[in-house]
C-alpha atoms as a PDB file:
ATOM      1  CA  MET A   1      17.752  12.170 -15.584  1.00  0.00           C
ATOM      2  CA  LEU A   2      15.858  15.307 -14.551  1.00  0.00           C
ATOM      3  CA  ASN A   3      17.083  15.145 -10.956  1.00  0.00           C
ATOM      4  CA  SER A   4      20.600  16.027 -12.094  1.00  0.00           C
ATOM      5  CA  LEU A   5      19.394  18.986 -14.178  1.00  0.00           C
ATOM      6  CA  LEU A   6      16.714  20.679 -12.078  1.00  0.00           C
ATOM      7  CA  PRO A   7      16.434  22.030  -8.508  1.00  0.00           C
ATOM      8  CA  LEU A   8      14.226  20.054  -6.139  1.00  0.00           C
ATOM      9  CA  ASN A   9      11.262  22.446  -6.230  1.00  0.00           C
ATOM     10  CA  TRP A  10      10.994  22.300 -10.033  1.00  0.00           C
ATOM     11  CA  LEU A  11      11.562  18.562  -9.974  1.00  0.00           C
ATOM     12  CA  THR A  12       8.695  18.145  -7.513  1.00  0.00           C
ATOM     13  CA  VAL A  13       6.357  20.211  -9.707  1.00  0.00           C
ATOM     14  CA  ILE A  14       7.282  18.123 -12.753  1.00  0.00           C
ATOM     15  CA  SER A  15       6.747  14.917 -10.742  1.00  0.00           C
ATOM     16  CA  VAL A  16       3.241  16.056  -9.793  1.00  0.00           C
ATOM     17  CA  VAL A  17       2.357  17.020 -13.368  1.00  0.00           C
ATOM     18  CA  LEU A  18       3.726  13.799 -14.855  1.00  0.00           C
ATOM     19  CA  SER A  19       2.039  11.625 -12.217  1.00  0.00           C
ATOM     20  CA  LEU A  20      -1.387  13.250 -12.468  1.00  0.00           C
ATOM     21  CA  GLY A  21      -1.314  13.768 -16.222  1.00  0.00           C
ATOM     22  CA  GLY A  22       0.205  10.370 -16.911  1.00  0.00           C
ATOM     23  CA  VAL A  23      -2.352   8.428 -14.880  1.00  0.00           C
ATOM     24  CA  PHE A  24      -5.304  10.454 -16.240  1.00  0.00           C
ATOM     25  CA  ALA A  25      -4.164   9.881 -19.821  1.00  0.00           C
ATOM     26  CA  ALA A  26      -3.297   6.213 -19.311  1.00  0.00           C
ATOM     27  CA  LEU A  27      -6.571   5.391 -17.567  1.00  0.00           C
ATOM     28  CA  LYS A  28      -8.527   7.046 -20.356  1.00  0.00           C
ATOM     29  CA  LEU A  29      -6.477   5.244 -22.996  1.00  0.00           C
ATOM     30  CA  PHE A  30      -6.514   1.767 -21.435  1.00  0.00           C
ATOM     31  CA  LYS A  31      -9.839   1.830 -19.564  1.00  0.00           C
ATOM     32  CA  ASN A  32     -11.572  -0.480 -22.039  1.00  0.00           C
ATOM     33  CA  LYS A  33      -8.669  -2.941 -21.847  1.00  0.00           C
ATOM     34  CA  LEU A  34      -9.165  -3.582 -18.140  1.00  0.00           C
ATOM     35  CA  PRO A  35     -11.067  -6.660 -16.883  1.00  0.00           C
ATOM     36  CA  VAL A  36     -14.629  -6.307 -15.595  1.00  0.00           C
ATOM     37  CA  ASP A  37     -15.548  -7.085 -12.001  1.00  0.00           C
ATOM     38  CA  GLY A  38     -18.187  -9.731 -11.426  1.00  0.00           C
ATOM     39  CA  GLY A  39     -19.122  -8.631  -7.908  1.00  0.00           C
ATOM     40  CA  ARG A  40     -17.960 -10.237  -4.669  1.00  0.00           C
ATOM     41  CA  ASP A  41     -20.318 -12.523  -2.778  1.00  0.00           C
ATOM     42  CA  PHE A  42     -18.296 -12.426   0.465  1.00  0.00           C
ATOM     43  CA  ALA A  43     -18.183  -8.641   0.825  1.00  0.00           C
ATOM     44  CA  PHE A  44     -20.918  -6.399   2.202  1.00  0.00           C
ATOM     45  CA  ASN A  45     -22.662  -4.848  -0.838  1.00  0.00           C
ATOM     46  CA  GLY A  46     -20.048  -6.621  -2.951  1.00  0.00           C
ATOM     47  CA  LYS A  47     -22.484  -7.137  -5.819  1.00  0.00           C
ATOM     48  CA  LEU A  48     -22.592  -3.364  -6.394  1.00  0.00           C
ATOM     49  CA  SER A  49     -19.121  -3.566  -7.958  1.00  0.00           C
ATOM     50  CA  ALA A  50     -20.313  -5.874 -10.737  1.00  0.00           C
ATOM     51  CA  GLY A  51     -19.666  -4.432 -14.187  1.00  0.00           C
ATOM     52  CA  LYS A  52     -17.011  -1.937 -13.077  1.00  0.00           C
ATOM     53  CA  LYS A  53     -13.510  -1.967 -14.514  1.00  0.00           C
ATOM     54  CA  ARG A  54     -11.010  -3.521 -12.143  1.00  0.00           C
ATOM     55  CA  GLY A  55      -7.247  -3.882 -12.104  1.00  0.00           C
ATOM     56  CA  ALA A  56      -6.656  -0.133 -12.631  1.00  0.00           C
ATOM     57  CA  GLY A  57      -3.613  -0.549 -10.396  1.00  0.00           C
ATOM     58  CA  ILE A  58      -1.660  -1.824 -13.383  1.00  0.00           C
ATOM     59  CA  VAL A  59      -2.037   1.623 -14.946  1.00  0.00           C
ATOM     60  CA  PHE A  60      -1.152   3.940 -12.075  1.00  0.00           C
ATOM     61  CA  ILE A  61       1.621   1.713 -10.732  1.00  0.00           C
ATOM     62  CA  CYS A  62       3.294   1.576 -14.163  1.00  0.00           C
ATOM     63  CA  VAL A  63       3.033   5.370 -14.402  1.00  0.00           C
ATOM     64  CA  PHE A  64       4.511   5.652 -10.895  1.00  0.00           C
ATOM     65  CA  ILE A  65       7.508   3.538 -11.918  1.00  0.00           C
ATOM     66  CA  LEU A  66       8.054   5.454 -15.176  1.00  0.00           C
ATOM     67  CA  VAL A  67       7.863   8.861 -13.495  1.00  0.00           C
ATOM     68  CA  SER A  68      10.186   7.659 -10.726  1.00  0.00           C
ATOM     69  CA  LEU A  69      12.739   6.578 -13.322  1.00  0.00           C
ATOM     70  CA  ILE A  70      12.589  10.064 -14.826  1.00  0.00           C
ATOM     71  CA  CYS A  71      12.544  12.172 -11.661  1.00  0.00           C
ATOM     72  CA  VAL A  72      14.326  10.140  -8.970  1.00  0.00           C
ATOM     73  CA  GLU A  73      18.001   9.276  -8.886  1.00  0.00           C
ATOM     74  CA  ILE A  74      18.646   5.927 -10.521  1.00  0.00           C
ATOM     75  CA  SER A  75      20.372   3.509  -8.161  1.00  0.00           C
ATOM     76  CA  ILE A  76      20.580  -0.243  -7.832  1.00  0.00           C
ATOM     77  CA  GLN A  77      18.424  -0.097  -4.711  1.00  0.00           C
ATOM     78  CA  ASN A  78      15.682   1.950  -6.362  1.00  0.00           C
ATOM     79  CA  ILE A  79      15.671  -0.265  -9.458  1.00  0.00           C
ATOM     80  CA  LEU A  80      15.286  -3.332  -7.241  1.00  0.00           C
ATOM     81  CA  TYR A  81      12.385  -1.675  -5.446  1.00  0.00           C
ATOM     82  CA  TYR A  82      10.680  -0.816  -8.749  1.00  0.00           C
ATOM     83  CA  VAL A  83      11.052  -4.411  -9.910  1.00  0.00           C
ATOM     84  CA  MET A  84       9.528  -5.770  -6.692  1.00  0.00           C
ATOM     85  CA  ILE A  85       6.646  -3.266  -6.792  1.00  0.00           C
ATOM     86  CA  PHE A  86       6.050  -4.191 -10.442  1.00  0.00           C
ATOM     87  CA  LEU A  87       5.974  -7.905  -9.564  1.00  0.00           C
ATOM     88  CA  ALA A  88       3.516  -7.280  -6.728  1.00  0.00           C
ATOM     89  CA  MET A  89       1.346  -5.311  -9.159  1.00  0.00           C
ATOM     90  CA  LEU A  90       1.652  -7.945 -11.900  1.00  0.00           C
ATOM     91  CA  SER A  91       0.705 -10.854  -9.632  1.00  0.00           C
ATOM     92  CA  GLY A  92      -2.295  -8.875  -8.433  1.00  0.00           C
ATOM     93  CA  TYR A  93      -3.342  -7.966 -11.964  1.00  0.00           C
ATOM     94  CA  LEU A  94      -3.145 -11.560 -13.176  1.00  0.00           C
ATOM     95  CA  ASP A  95      -5.493 -12.449 -10.336  1.00  0.00           C
ATOM     96  CA  ASP A  96      -7.776  -9.514 -11.254  1.00  0.00           C
ATOM     97  CA  ALA A  97      -7.884 -10.658 -14.883  1.00  0.00           C
ATOM     98  CA  SER A  98      -8.469 -14.314 -14.056  1.00  0.00           C
ATOM     99  CA  GLU A  99     -11.994 -15.650 -14.573  1.00  0.00           C
ATOM    100  CA  LYS A 100     -11.598 -17.708 -11.409  1.00  0.00           C
ATOM    101  CA  PRO A 101      -9.966 -15.942  -8.423  1.00  0.00           C
ATOM    102  CA  TRP A 102      -6.616 -17.370  -7.400  1.00  0.00           C
ATOM    103  CA  ASN A 103      -6.387 -19.594  -4.351  1.00  0.00           C
ATOM    104  CA  GLU A 104      -5.467 -17.542  -1.266  1.00  0.00           C
ATOM    105  CA  TYR A 105      -2.531 -19.842  -0.504  1.00  0.00           C
ATOM    106  CA  LYS A 106      -1.151 -19.265  -3.986  1.00  0.00           C
ATOM    107  CA  LYS A 107      -1.433 -15.489  -3.576  1.00  0.00           C
ATOM    108  CA  GLY A 108       0.083 -15.656  -0.104  1.00  0.00           C
ATOM    109  CA  ALA A 109       3.047 -17.699  -1.348  1.00  0.00           C
ATOM    110  CA  ILE A 110       3.713 -15.281  -4.230  1.00  0.00           C
ATOM    111  CA  ASP A 111       3.547 -12.335  -1.817  1.00  0.00           C
ATOM    112  CA  LEU A 112       5.973 -14.112   0.510  1.00  0.00           C
ATOM    113  CA  VAL A 113       8.552 -14.619  -2.248  1.00  0.00           C
ATOM    114  CA  ILE A 114       8.281 -10.964  -3.332  1.00  0.00           C
ATOM    115  CA  CYS A 115       8.659  -9.819   0.277  1.00  0.00           C
ATOM    116  CA  LEU A 116      11.677 -12.078   0.798  1.00  0.00           C
ATOM    117  CA  LEU A 117      13.382 -10.680  -2.312  1.00  0.00           C
ATOM    118  CA  THR A 118      12.576  -7.111  -1.260  1.00  0.00           C
ATOM    119  CA  SER A 119      13.996  -7.680   2.229  1.00  0.00           C
ATOM    120  CA  ALA A 120      17.128  -9.257   0.771  1.00  0.00           C
ATOM    121  CA  ALA A 121      17.536  -6.279  -1.584  1.00  0.00           C
ATOM    122  CA  PHE A 122      17.243  -3.872   1.348  1.00  0.00           C
ATOM    123  CA  VAL A 123      19.863  -5.762   3.357  1.00  0.00           C
ATOM    124  CA  TRP A 124      22.182  -6.010   0.352  1.00  0.00           C
ATOM    125  CA  GLN A 125      22.029  -2.268  -0.235  1.00  0.00           C
ATOM    126  CA  ASN A 126      22.106  -1.312   3.452  1.00  0.00           C
ATOM    127  CA  GLY A 127      24.798  -3.643   4.707  1.00  0.00           C
ATOM    128  CA  GLY A 128      26.892  -3.119   7.791  1.00  0.00           C
ATOM    129  CA  GLU A 129      24.993  -2.705  11.023  1.00  0.00           C
ATOM    130  CA  LEU A 130      21.346  -3.711  10.720  1.00  0.00           C
ATOM    131  CA  ARG A 131      19.219  -2.520  13.615  1.00  0.00           C
ATOM    132  CA  LEU A 132      15.748  -3.151  14.892  1.00  0.00           C
ATOM    133  CA  ASN A 133      14.536   0.055  16.475  1.00  0.00           C
ATOM    134  CA  PHE A 134      11.631   0.265  18.915  1.00  0.00           C
ATOM    135  CA  GLY A 135      11.076   3.912  19.739  1.00  0.00           C
ATOM    136  CA  ILE A 136      14.164   5.087  21.639  1.00  0.00           C
ATOM    137  CA  PHE A 137      15.427   1.522  22.012  1.00  0.00           C
ATOM    138  CA  GLY A 138      17.186  -0.572  19.418  1.00  0.00           C
ATOM    139  CA  PHE A 139      19.707  -3.321  18.912  1.00  0.00           C
ATOM    140  CA  ASN A 140      21.828  -4.791  16.151  1.00  0.00           C
ATOM    141  CA  VAL A 141      20.710  -8.037  14.555  1.00  0.00           C
ATOM    142  CA  HIS A 142      22.203 -10.591  12.191  1.00  0.00           C
ATOM    143  CA  TRP A 143      21.325  -9.967   8.548  1.00  0.00           C
ATOM    144  CA  ALA A 144      19.464 -13.291   8.258  1.00  0.00           C
ATOM    145  CA  LEU A 145      17.209 -12.455  11.213  1.00  0.00           C
ATOM    146  CA  PHE A 146      16.592  -8.979   9.812  1.00  0.00           C
ATOM    147  CA  ILE A 147      15.529 -10.459   6.461  1.00  0.00           C
ATOM    148  CA  LEU A 148      13.146 -12.852   8.237  1.00  0.00           C
ATOM    149  CA  ILE A 149      11.523 -10.086  10.290  1.00  0.00           C
ATOM    150  CA  ALA A 150      11.359  -7.655   7.360  1.00  0.00           C
ATOM    151  CA  THR A 151       9.802 -10.335   5.141  1.00  0.00           C
ATOM    152  CA  VAL A 152       7.010 -10.974   7.637  1.00  0.00           C
ATOM    153  CA  PHE A 153       6.526  -7.227   8.078  1.00  0.00           C
ATOM    154  CA  LEU A 154       6.241  -6.577   4.321  1.00  0.00           C
ATOM    155  CA  TRP A 155       3.875  -9.531   3.896  1.00  0.00           C
ATOM    156  CA  MET A 156       1.580  -8.094   6.555  1.00  0.00           C
ATOM    157  CA  MET A 157       1.671  -4.665   4.893  1.00  0.00           C
ATOM    158  CA  ILE A 158       0.713  -6.125   1.492  1.00  0.00           C
ATOM    159  CA  ASN A 159      -2.158  -8.202   2.823  1.00  0.00           C
ATOM    160  CA  ALA A 160      -3.502  -5.555   5.214  1.00  0.00           C
ATOM    161  CA  THR A 161      -3.639  -3.005   2.381  1.00  0.00           C
ATOM    162  CA  ASN A 162      -5.215  -5.541   0.060  1.00  0.00           C
ATOM    163  CA  CYS A 163      -7.961  -6.356   2.589  1.00  0.00           C
ATOM    164  CA  SER A 164      -8.793  -2.654   2.987  1.00  0.00           C
ATOM    165  CA  ASP A 165      -9.750  -2.310  -0.680  1.00  0.00           C
ATOM    166  CA  GLY A 166     -13.471  -2.817  -0.234  1.00  0.00           C
ATOM    167  CA  ILE A 167     -15.081   0.636  -0.476  1.00  0.00           C
ATOM    168  CA  ASP A 168     -14.776   3.195  -3.259  1.00  0.00           C
ATOM    169  CA  GLY A 169     -11.982   5.581  -2.321  1.00  0.00           C
ATOM    170  CA  PHE A 170     -11.111   3.934   1.003  1.00  0.00           C
ATOM    171  CA  CYS A 171      -7.835   2.131   0.286  1.00  0.00           C
ATOM    172  CA  GLY A 172      -6.527   4.960  -1.889  1.00  0.00           C
ATOM    173  CA  SER A 173      -7.301   7.802   0.546  1.00  0.00           C
ATOM    174  CA  LEU A 174      -6.070   5.872   3.582  1.00  0.00           C
ATOM    175  CA  SER A 175      -2.841   4.925   1.778  1.00  0.00           C
ATOM    176  CA  ILE A 176      -2.210   8.572   0.871  1.00  0.00           C
ATOM    177  CA  ASN A 177      -2.838   9.480   4.515  1.00  0.00           C
ATOM    178  CA  SER A 178      -0.169   7.034   5.697  1.00  0.00           C
ATOM    179  CA  ILE A 179       2.345   7.833   2.938  1.00  0.00           C
ATOM    180  CA  ILE A 180       2.298  11.549   3.786  1.00  0.00           C
ATOM    181  CA  PHE A 181       3.037  10.986   7.471  1.00  0.00           C
ATOM    182  CA  ILE A 182       5.708   8.331   6.808  1.00  0.00           C
ATOM    183  CA  ALA A 183       7.517  10.754   4.480  1.00  0.00           C
ATOM    184  CA  ILE A 184       7.385  13.485   7.154  1.00  0.00           C
ATOM    185  CA  ALA A 185       8.644  11.023   9.777  1.00  0.00           C
ATOM    186  CA  CYS A 186      11.593  10.170   7.531  1.00  0.00           C
ATOM    187  CA  LYS A 187      12.500  13.867   7.405  1.00  0.00           C
ATOM    188  CA  PHE A 188      12.305  14.130  11.188  1.00  0.00           C
ATOM    189  CA  MET A 189      14.713  11.217  11.563  1.00  0.00           C
ATOM    190  CA  ALA A 190      17.097  12.438   8.838  1.00  0.00           C
ATOM    191  CA  LYS A 191      16.254   9.339   6.811  1.00  0.00           C
ATOM    192  CA  ASP A 192      14.918  11.281   3.856  1.00  0.00           C
ATOM    193  CA  SER A 193      16.975   9.990   0.884  1.00  0.00           C
ATOM    194  CA  GLU A 194      14.536   9.641  -2.025  1.00  0.00           C
ATOM    195  CA  VAL A 195      11.549   8.735   0.129  1.00  0.00           C
ATOM    196  CA  SER A 196       9.941  12.183  -0.197  1.00  0.00           C
ATOM    197  CA  GLN A 197      10.279  12.187  -3.976  1.00  0.00           C
ATOM    198  CA  LEU A 198       8.853   8.692  -4.304  1.00  0.00           C
ATOM    199  CA  ALA A 199       6.061   9.568  -1.871  1.00  0.00           C
ATOM    200  CA  VAL A 200       5.022  12.600  -3.965  1.00  0.00           C
ATOM    201  CA  ILE A 201       4.905  10.520  -7.138  1.00  0.00           C
ATOM    202  CA  MET A 202       2.900   7.712  -5.529  1.00  0.00           C
ATOM    203  CA  ILE A 203       0.487  10.130  -3.825  1.00  0.00           C
ATOM    204  CA  PHE A 204      -0.418  11.965  -7.024  1.00  0.00           C
ATOM    205  CA  SER A 205      -0.593   8.734  -9.024  1.00  0.00           C
ATOM    206  CA  ILE A 206      -3.190   7.448  -6.542  1.00  0.00           C
ATOM    207  CA  MET A 207      -4.976  10.818  -6.560  1.00  0.00           C
ATOM    208  CA  ALA A 208      -5.483  10.655 -10.315  1.00  0.00           C
ATOM    209  CA  TYR A 209      -6.944   7.156  -9.913  1.00  0.00           C
ATOM    210  CA  LEU A 210      -9.243   8.378  -7.111  1.00  0.00           C
ATOM    211  CA  TRP A 211     -10.842  10.758  -9.618  1.00  0.00           C
ATOM    212  CA  TYR A 212     -12.429   7.639 -11.152  1.00  0.00           C
ATOM    213  CA  ASN A 213     -12.756   5.683  -7.914  1.00  0.00           C
ATOM    214  CA  ALA A 214     -14.784   8.265  -5.974  1.00  0.00           C
ATOM    215  CA  GLU A 215     -18.247   6.920  -5.176  1.00  0.00           C
ATOM    216  CA  PRO A 216     -20.020   6.003  -7.378  1.00  0.00           C
ATOM    217  CA  SER A 217     -16.847   4.700  -9.000  1.00  0.00           C
ATOM    218  CA  SER A 218     -16.301   3.600 -12.570  1.00  0.00           C
ATOM    219  CA  MET A 219     -13.176   1.555 -11.850  1.00  0.00           C
ATOM    220  CA  MET A 220     -11.303  -0.160  -9.034  1.00  0.00           C
ATOM    221  CA  MET A 221      -7.599  -0.641  -8.390  1.00  0.00           C
ATOM    222  CA  GLY A 222      -7.965  -4.357  -7.689  1.00  0.00           C
ATOM    223  CA  ASP A 223      -5.153  -6.472  -6.281  1.00  0.00           C
ATOM    224  CA  ALA A 224      -2.875  -4.888  -8.879  1.00  0.00           C
ATOM    225  CA  GLY A 225      -3.063  -1.612  -6.984  1.00  0.00           C
ATOM    226  CA  SER A 226      -3.548  -2.641  -3.363  1.00  0.00           C
ATOM    227  CA  ARG A 227      -0.723  -5.192  -3.293  1.00  0.00           C
ATOM    228  CA  ALA A 228       1.749  -2.810  -4.906  1.00  0.00           C
ATOM    229  CA  ILE A 229       0.742   0.056  -2.602  1.00  0.00           C
ATOM    230  CA  GLY A 230       1.092  -2.224   0.432  1.00  0.00           C
ATOM    231  CA  LEU A 231       4.623  -3.168  -0.613  1.00  0.00           C
ATOM    232  CA  PHE A 232       5.479   0.492  -1.263  1.00  0.00           C
ATOM    233  CA  LEU A 233       4.260   1.431   2.221  1.00  0.00           C
ATOM    234  CA  GLY A 234       6.404  -1.324   3.706  1.00  0.00           C
ATOM    235  CA  ILE A 235       9.470  -0.208   1.740  1.00  0.00           C
ATOM    236  CA  ILE A 236       9.308   3.436   2.835  1.00  0.00           C
ATOM    237  CA  VAL A 237       8.794   2.342   6.447  1.00  0.00           C
ATOM    238  CA  LEU A 238      11.922   0.172   6.120  1.00  0.00           C
ATOM    239  CA  GLU A 239      13.744   3.206   4.730  1.00  0.00           C
ATOM    240  CA  SER A 240      12.712   5.185   7.813  1.00  0.00           C
ATOM    241  CA  GLY A 241      14.874   2.840   9.866  1.00  0.00           C
ATOM    242  CA  ASN A 242      12.072   1.950  12.263  1.00  0.00           C
ATOM    243  CA  MET A 243       9.577  -0.758  11.316  1.00  0.00           C
ATOM    244  CA  LEU A 244       7.600  -0.035  14.480  1.00  0.00           C
ATOM    245  CA  LEU A 245       6.474   3.262  12.924  1.00  0.00           C
ATOM    246  CA  ALA A 246       4.069   1.275  10.761  1.00  0.00           C
ATOM    247  CA  VAL A 247       1.934   0.583  13.845  1.00  0.00           C
ATOM    248  CA  PRO A 248       0.828   4.186  14.448  1.00  0.00           C
ATOM    249  CA  LEU A 249       1.299   5.590  10.922  1.00  0.00           C
ATOM    250  CA  CYS A 250      -0.544   2.710   9.204  1.00  0.00           C
ATOM    251  CA  PHE A 251      -2.718   1.834  12.190  1.00  0.00           C
ATOM    252  CA  VAL A 252      -6.115   1.813  10.472  1.00  0.00           C
ATOM    253  CA  LEU A 253      -4.833  -0.104   7.431  1.00  0.00           C
ATOM    254  CA  LEU A 254      -3.209  -2.724   9.643  1.00  0.00           C
ATOM    255  CA  LEU A 255      -6.174  -3.048  11.993  1.00  0.00           C
ATOM    256  CA  ASP A 256      -8.687  -3.157   9.136  1.00  0.00           C
ATOM    257  CA  GLY A 257      -6.860  -5.901   7.266  1.00  0.00           C
ATOM    258  CA  LEU A 258      -4.974  -7.944   9.828  1.00  0.00           C
ATOM    259  CA  ILE A 259      -7.875  -8.457  12.215  1.00  0.00           C
ATOM    260  CA  GLY A 260      -9.598 -10.437   9.458  1.00  0.00           C
ATOM    261  CA  ILE A 261      -6.480 -12.490   8.721  1.00  0.00           C
ATOM    262  CA  PHE A 262      -6.117 -13.212  12.449  1.00  0.00           C
ATOM    263  CA  LYS A 263      -9.762 -14.248  12.772  1.00  0.00           C
ATOM    264  CA  VAL A 264      -9.689 -16.566   9.743  1.00  0.00           C
ATOM    265  CA  SER A 265      -6.324 -18.111  10.722  1.00  0.00           C
ATOM    266  CA  VAL A 266      -7.349 -18.886  14.314  1.00  0.00           C
ATOM    267  CA  THR A 267     -10.675 -20.315  13.184  1.00  0.00           C
ATOM    268  CA  ARG A 268      -9.204 -22.371  10.354  1.00  0.00           C
ATOM    269  CA  PHE A 269      -6.048 -23.738  11.931  1.00  0.00           C
ATOM    270  CA  LEU A 270      -6.823 -23.791  15.659  1.00  0.00           C
ATOM    271  CA  LYS A 271     -10.564 -24.445  15.290  1.00  0.00           C
ATOM    272  CA  ILE A 272     -11.259 -21.640  17.748  1.00  0.00           C
ATOM    273  CA  LYS A 273     -13.962 -19.105  16.990  1.00  0.00           C
ATOM    274  CA  VAL A 274     -12.913 -15.595  17.980  1.00  0.00           C
ATOM    275  CA  LEU A 275     -14.346 -12.109  17.471  1.00  0.00           C
ATOM    276  CA  LYS A 276     -17.746 -13.622  16.720  1.00  0.00           C
ATOM    277  CA  ASN A 277     -19.531 -10.280  16.784  1.00  0.00           C
ATOM    278  CA  ILE A 278     -16.995  -8.460  14.617  1.00  0.00           C
ATOM    279  CA  ARG A 279     -17.370  -8.591  10.851  1.00  0.00           C
ATOM    280  CA  THR A 280     -14.159  -8.468   8.841  1.00  0.00           C
ATOM    281  CA  PRO A 281     -12.620  -6.568   7.151  1.00  0.00           C
ATOM    282  CA  LEU A 282     -13.309  -4.024   9.857  1.00  0.00           C
ATOM    283  CA  HIS A 283     -14.737  -1.456   7.428  1.00  0.00           C
ATOM    284  CA  ASP A 284     -17.544  -3.939   6.694  1.00  0.00           C
ATOM    285  CA  HIS A 285     -18.241  -4.173  10.436  1.00  0.00           C
ATOM    286  CA  PHE A 286     -18.833  -0.427  10.619  1.00  0.00           C
ATOM    287  CA  ARG A 287     -21.040  -0.450   7.522  1.00  0.00           C
ATOM    288  CA  LYS A 288     -23.038  -3.602   8.262  1.00  0.00           C
ATOM    289  CA  ASN A 289     -23.144  -3.758  12.067  1.00  0.00           C
ATOM    290  CA  LYS A 290     -22.873  -0.080  12.988  1.00  0.00           C
ATOM    291  CA  GLY A 291     -24.880   1.343  10.095  1.00  0.00           C
ATOM    292  CA  TRP A 292     -22.205   3.755   8.863  1.00  0.00           C
ATOM    293  CA  SER A 293     -22.503   4.907   5.271  1.00  0.00           C
ATOM    294  CA  ASN A 294     -19.560   4.467   2.898  1.00  0.00           C
ATOM    295  CA  SER A 295     -18.683   8.158   3.208  1.00  0.00           C
ATOM    296  CA  GLN A 296     -18.866   8.051   7.005  1.00  0.00           C
ATOM    297  CA  THR A 297     -16.603   5.008   7.087  1.00  0.00           C
ATOM    298  CA  ILE A 298     -14.017   6.627   4.807  1.00  0.00           C
ATOM    299  CA  TYR A 299     -13.971  10.037   6.511  1.00  0.00           C
ATOM    300  CA  ARG A 300     -14.114   8.789  10.082  1.00  0.00           C
ATOM    301  CA  LEU A 301     -11.347   6.200   9.700  1.00  0.00           C
ATOM    302  CA  ASN A 302      -9.174   8.702   7.825  1.00  0.00           C
ATOM    303  CA  ILE A 303      -9.722  11.233  10.625  1.00  0.00           C
ATOM    304  CA  ILE A 304      -8.715   8.622  13.210  1.00  0.00           C
ATOM    305  CA  GLN A 305      -5.588   7.738  11.229  1.00  0.00           C
ATOM    306  CA  GLY A 306      -4.669  11.380  10.757  1.00  0.00           C
ATOM    307  CA  ALA A 307      -5.015  12.119  14.479  1.00  0.00           C
ATOM    308  CA  ILE A 308      -2.901   9.091  15.470  1.00  0.00           C
ATOM    309  CA  SER A 309      -0.227   9.969  12.912  1.00  0.00           C
ATOM    310  CA  PHE A 310      -0.109  13.639  13.926  1.00  0.00           C
ATOM    311  CA  CYS A 311       0.349  12.751  17.592  1.00  0.00           C
ATOM    312  CA  THR A 312       3.069  10.270  16.634  1.00  0.00           C
ATOM    313  CA  LEU A 313       4.958  12.967  14.728  1.00  0.00           C
ATOM    314  CA  LEU A 314       4.712  15.319  17.707  1.00  0.00           C
ATOM    315  CA  LEU A 315       6.318  12.661  19.888  1.00  0.00           C
ATOM    316  CA  LEU A 316       9.032  12.056  17.270  1.00  0.00           C
ATOM    317  CA  LYS A 317       9.685  15.776  16.992  1.00  0.00           C
END
């Protein structure tokens, strides 16, 4: 356990080196073991991904967990989180590696179970008074209601992040954007714990992957990466003590992914056609309908997210 032997500054440096070096080495070593993407018919320019390695999330998420075990204090809560993140990654990777994509209901049900277990783990380890905070307002809730709300929240985070993985570098850069500001928000609210350490490890694990995912990419994270990152984002927001923070600090991710889920759900179950002129996920709308290039879409939406997050932190401060 390095955290008991080294001061925080040295521990952070070692975390960065292990995360970057570990992911670089692992991706190089296991690149040829990853499944190959066949291209996606439903996505704008989806056929351009054909032939690329997918499922790289299994590599950088495993490195994230290993480095966290080395550099972050080992506790029951953290171990439970690692297990849940691993399961989210594994379910995504099995879908990535499958010749026939899994049914969306099957994936949704698996995500729901993982989210339920994660919420239960959080409540178990943070017993006593459980509060739902909304800005300066908040109230205590029964543990069962908290688990229900947290489960829905985590499920939305997983699926919104997963839907955003459609452009080289987009999901990874936007996730890093949100993780940084969530970690800072936790410091502002004295809810730091190990969130900052875990955030550093996840950020640099994703950065090493982005080296290969920058356009034109040679590999993609797949569901193995996006689902695990979505769960991680949800967990650190839970640790902040204020689930509502996800709205401004993950605004673009949530809007990009959830607007598509809303549109499909209303059309499928209520037989009502909504948002007819908006293509989903939203990043495809900007590329297809507005004529933005991939780079413009990535930079502009990251700038928007950064501005919203910065203003949110000023208000928190």
